[in-house]
C-alpha atoms as a PDB file:
ATOM      1  CA  MET A   1      27.437  38.995  94.986  1.00  0.00           C
ATOM      2  CA  TYR A   2      25.524  38.645  91.743  1.00  0.00           C
ATOM      3  CA  LYS A   3      26.016  39.738  88.123  1.00  0.00           C
ATOM      4  CA  ILE A   4      23.836  41.650  85.695  1.00  0.00           C
ATOM      5  CA  THR A   5      24.552  41.029  82.005  1.00  0.00           C
ATOM      6  CA  MET A   6      23.377  42.996  78.974  1.00  0.00           C
ATOM      7  CA  HIS A   7      24.045  41.577  75.494  1.00  0.00           C
ATOM      8  CA  ASN A   8      24.401  43.235  72.094  1.00  0.00           C
ATOM      9  CA  MET A   9      23.690  46.854  72.930  1.00  0.00           C
ATOM     10  CA  ARG A  10      24.000  48.585  69.550  1.00  0.00           C
ATOM     11  CA  PHE A  11      25.364  52.043  68.800  1.00  0.00           C
ATOM     12  CA  HIS A  12      26.881  54.087  65.993  1.00  0.00           C
ATOM     13  CA  SER A  13      30.265  55.523  66.926  1.00  0.00           C
ATOM     14  CA  HIS A  14      33.301  57.315  65.547  1.00  0.00           C
ATOM     15  CA  ILE A  15      36.188  55.244  66.919  1.00  0.00           C
ATOM     16  CA  GLY A  16      39.473  54.987  65.085  1.00  0.00           C
ATOM     17  CA  VAL A  17      42.599  56.666  63.862  1.00  0.00           C
ATOM     18  CA  LEU A  18      41.786  56.695  60.155  1.00  0.00           C
ATOM     19  CA  PRO A  19      39.999  59.748  58.693  1.00  0.00           C
ATOM     20  CA  GLU A  20      37.186  57.611  57.245  1.00  0.00           C
ATOM     21  CA  GLU A  21      36.492  56.127  60.690  1.00  0.00           C
ATOM     22  CA  LYS A  22      36.232  59.599  62.198  1.00  0.00           C
ATOM     23  CA  VAL A  23      33.873  60.890  59.480  1.00  0.00           C
ATOM     24  CA  VAL A  24      31.697  57.921  58.499  1.00  0.00           C
ATOM     25  CA  GLY A  25      31.924  56.049  61.778  1.00  0.00           C
ATOM     26  CA  GLN A  26      30.931  52.449  62.350  1.00  0.00           C
ATOM     27  CA  ASN A  27      28.477  50.287  64.211  1.00  0.00           C
ATOM     28  CA  ILE A  28      29.541  48.758  67.494  1.00  0.00           C
ATOM     29  CA  GLN A  29      27.996  46.157  69.758  1.00  0.00           C
ATOM     30  CA  ILE A  30      28.628  46.076  73.472  1.00  0.00           C
ATOM     31  CA  ASP A  31      28.171  43.322  76.049  1.00  0.00           C
ATOM     32  CA  LEU A  32      28.302  44.425  79.654  1.00  0.00           C
ATOM     33  CA  LYS A  33      28.622  42.269  82.778  1.00  0.00           C
ATOM     34  CA  VAL A  34      28.297  44.142  86.063  1.00  0.00           C
ATOM     35  CA  ALA A  35      29.155  42.488  89.387  1.00  0.00           C
ATOM     36  CA  VAL A  36      27.144  43.834  92.309  1.00  0.00           C
ATOM     37  CA  ASN A  37      28.292  43.379  95.918  1.00  0.00           C
ATOM     38  CA  ALA A  38      24.921  43.349  97.672  1.00  0.00           C
ATOM     39  CA  VAL A  39      22.194  40.768  97.184  1.00  0.00           C
ATOM     40  CA  PRO A  40      18.747  42.419  97.407  1.00  0.00           C
ATOM     41  CA  ALA A  41      17.199  41.963 100.857  1.00  0.00           C
ATOM     42  CA  ASP A  42      13.671  42.406  99.503  1.00  0.00           C
ATOM     43  CA  ASP A  43      11.726  42.950  96.291  1.00  0.00           C
ATOM     44  CA  ASP A  44      12.342  46.715  96.226  1.00  0.00           C
ATOM     45  CA  LEU A  45      14.308  48.295  93.367  1.00  0.00           C
ATOM     46  CA  LYS A  46      16.152  50.448  95.915  1.00  0.00           C
ATOM     47  CA  SER A  47      17.708  47.235  97.267  1.00  0.00           C
ATOM     48  CA  THR A  48      19.591  46.622  94.051  1.00  0.00           C
ATOM     49  CA  VAL A  49      21.383  48.346  91.199  1.00  0.00           C
ATOM     50  CA  SER A  50      18.980  49.300  88.417  1.00  0.00           C
ATOM     51  CA  TYR A  51      20.191  47.899  85.114  1.00  0.00           C
ATOM     52  CA  ALA A  52      17.909  50.405  83.381  1.00  0.00           C
ATOM     53  CA  ASP A  53      20.659  52.968  84.073  1.00  0.00           C
ATOM     54  CA  PHE A  54      23.313  51.059  82.121  1.00  0.00           C
ATOM     55  CA  TYR A  55      22.138  51.616  78.533  1.00  0.00           C
ATOM     56  CA  PRO A  56      21.688  55.410  78.790  1.00  0.00           C
ATOM     57  CA  THR A  57      25.045  55.686  80.567  1.00  0.00           C
ATOM     58  CA  VAL A  58      26.820  53.807  77.762  1.00  0.00           C
ATOM     59  CA  ALA A  59      24.944  55.815  75.101  1.00  0.00           C
ATOM     60  CA  ASN A  60      25.963  59.076  76.771  1.00  0.00           C
ATOM     61  CA  VAL A  61      29.636  58.044  76.850  1.00  0.00           C
ATOM     62  CA  ILE A  62      29.580  57.120  73.158  1.00  0.00           C
ATOM     63  CA  GLN A  63      27.811  60.336  72.128  1.00  0.00           C
ATOM     64  CA  ASN A  64      30.165  62.568  74.093  1.00  0.00           C
ATOM     65  CA  ASN A  65      33.550  60.909  73.501  1.00  0.00           C
ATOM     66  CA  ARG A  66      35.322  60.538  70.184  1.00  0.00           C
ATOM     67  CA  VAL A  67      38.375  58.394  70.755  1.00  0.00           C
ATOM     68  CA  ASN A  68      41.020  56.701  68.654  1.00  0.00           C
ATOM     69  CA  LEU A  69      41.109  53.367  70.481  1.00  0.00           C
ATOM     70  CA  ILE A  70      38.388  50.894  71.434  1.00  0.00           C
ATOM     71  CA  GLU A  71      40.363  50.292  74.621  1.00  0.00           C
ATOM     72  CA  THR A  72      40.002  53.949  75.605  1.00  0.00           C
ATOM     73  CA  LEU A  73      36.241  53.815  75.047  1.00  0.00           C
ATOM     74  CA  ALA A  74      36.008  50.623  77.107  1.00  0.00           C
ATOM     75  CA  GLN A  75      37.779  52.229  80.073  1.00  0.00           C
ATOM     76  CA  ILE A  76      35.592  55.354  79.927  1.00  0.00           C
ATOM     77  CA  ILE A  77      32.449  53.177  79.887  1.00  0.00           C
ATOM     78  CA  ILE A  78      33.707  51.054  82.793  1.00  0.00           C
ATOM     79  CA  ASP A  79      34.385  54.170  84.860  1.00  0.00           C
ATOM     80  CA  ALA A  80      30.944  55.615  84.054  1.00  0.00           C
ATOM     81  CA  ILE A  81      29.143  52.380  84.971  1.00  0.00           C
ATOM     82  CA  LYS A  82      31.078  52.064  88.241  1.00  0.00           C
ATOM     83  CA  ASN A  83      30.054  55.622  89.131  1.00  0.00           C
ATOM     84  CA  ILE A  84      26.350  54.702  88.966  1.00  0.00           C
ATOM     85  CA  ASP A  85      26.307  52.949  92.336  1.00  0.00           C
ATOM     86  CA  ARG A  86      28.896  52.228  95.030  1.00  0.00           C
ATOM     87  CA  ARG A  87      27.683  48.602  95.215  1.00  0.00           C
ATOM     88  CA  ILE A  88      29.100  47.893  91.741  1.00  0.00           C
ATOM     89  CA  ALA A  89      32.218  45.812  92.380  1.00  0.00           C
ATOM     90  CA  ALA A  90      33.454  45.134  88.851  1.00  0.00           C
ATOM     91  CA  VAL A  91      32.560  45.683  85.216  1.00  0.00           C
ATOM     92  CA  ASN A  92      33.448  43.427  82.291  1.00  0.00           C
ATOM     93  CA  ILE A  93      32.918  44.826  78.801  1.00  0.00           C
ATOM     94  CA  HIS A  94      33.169  43.434  75.279  1.00  0.00           C
ATOM     95  CA  ILE A  95      33.136  45.934  72.414  1.00  0.00           C
ATOM     96  CA  ARG A  96      32.786  44.679  68.844  1.00  0.00           C
ATOM     97  CA  LYS A  97      33.638  47.204  66.147  1.00  0.00           C
ATOM     98  CA  GLN A  98      32.107  46.380  62.769  1.00  0.00           C
ATOM     99  CA  GLY A  99      33.248  47.694  59.415  1.00  0.00           C
ATOM    100  CA  THR A 100      36.859  48.006  60.457  1.00  0.00           C
ATOM    101  CA  PRO A 101      38.960  49.078  57.454  1.00  0.00           C
ATOM    102  CA  ILE A 102      41.209  46.018  57.405  1.00  0.00           C
ATOM    103  CA  ASN A 103      42.254  44.420  54.148  1.00  0.00           C
ATOM    104  CA  GLY A 104      40.510  41.107  54.693  1.00  0.00           C
ATOM    105  CA  VAL A 105      37.184  39.424  55.330  1.00  0.00           C
ATOM    106  CA  LEU A 106      35.934  39.578  58.923  1.00  0.00           C
ATOM    107  CA  ASP A 107      32.787  40.420  60.844  1.00  0.00           C
ATOM    108  CA  ASP A 108      34.274  42.609  63.546  1.00  0.00           C
ATOM    109  CA  VAL A 109      37.154  43.356  65.880  1.00  0.00           C
ATOM    110  CA  GLU A 110      36.466  42.760  69.568  1.00  0.00           C
ATOM    111  CA  ILE A 111      38.191  43.770  72.769  1.00  0.00           C
ATOM    112  CA  GLU A 112      37.417  42.644  76.295  1.00  0.00           C
ATOM    113  CA  MET A 113      38.298  44.624  79.394  1.00  0.00           C
ATOM    114  CA  GLU A 114      37.518  44.184  83.073  1.00  0.00           C
ATOM    115  CA  HIS A 115      38.031  46.421  86.040  1.00  0.00           C
END
């Protein structure tokens, strides 16, 4: 088994329960760690899972799903990534939501989920 990690993928989303979050939206950053069951037997891309598929899959989920909770978005992304290839054993995701309307000073709110 080996892991593929992508750091700080950036998107604009509309996550949240407040009206301003739904209209204006916010920037999010996503880290993705994908565990793959098979170690490549040779130097052929067909022997592995192509990480080039991860970013467009995440982008598609964000563009086509407006959700209230970061946790919901995380689960939808995990499911979509796992559907790319049967050799994907597990997905760990961190989502950082910036510009959260909280009365205080902070950079972001982050959740982590693994499945």
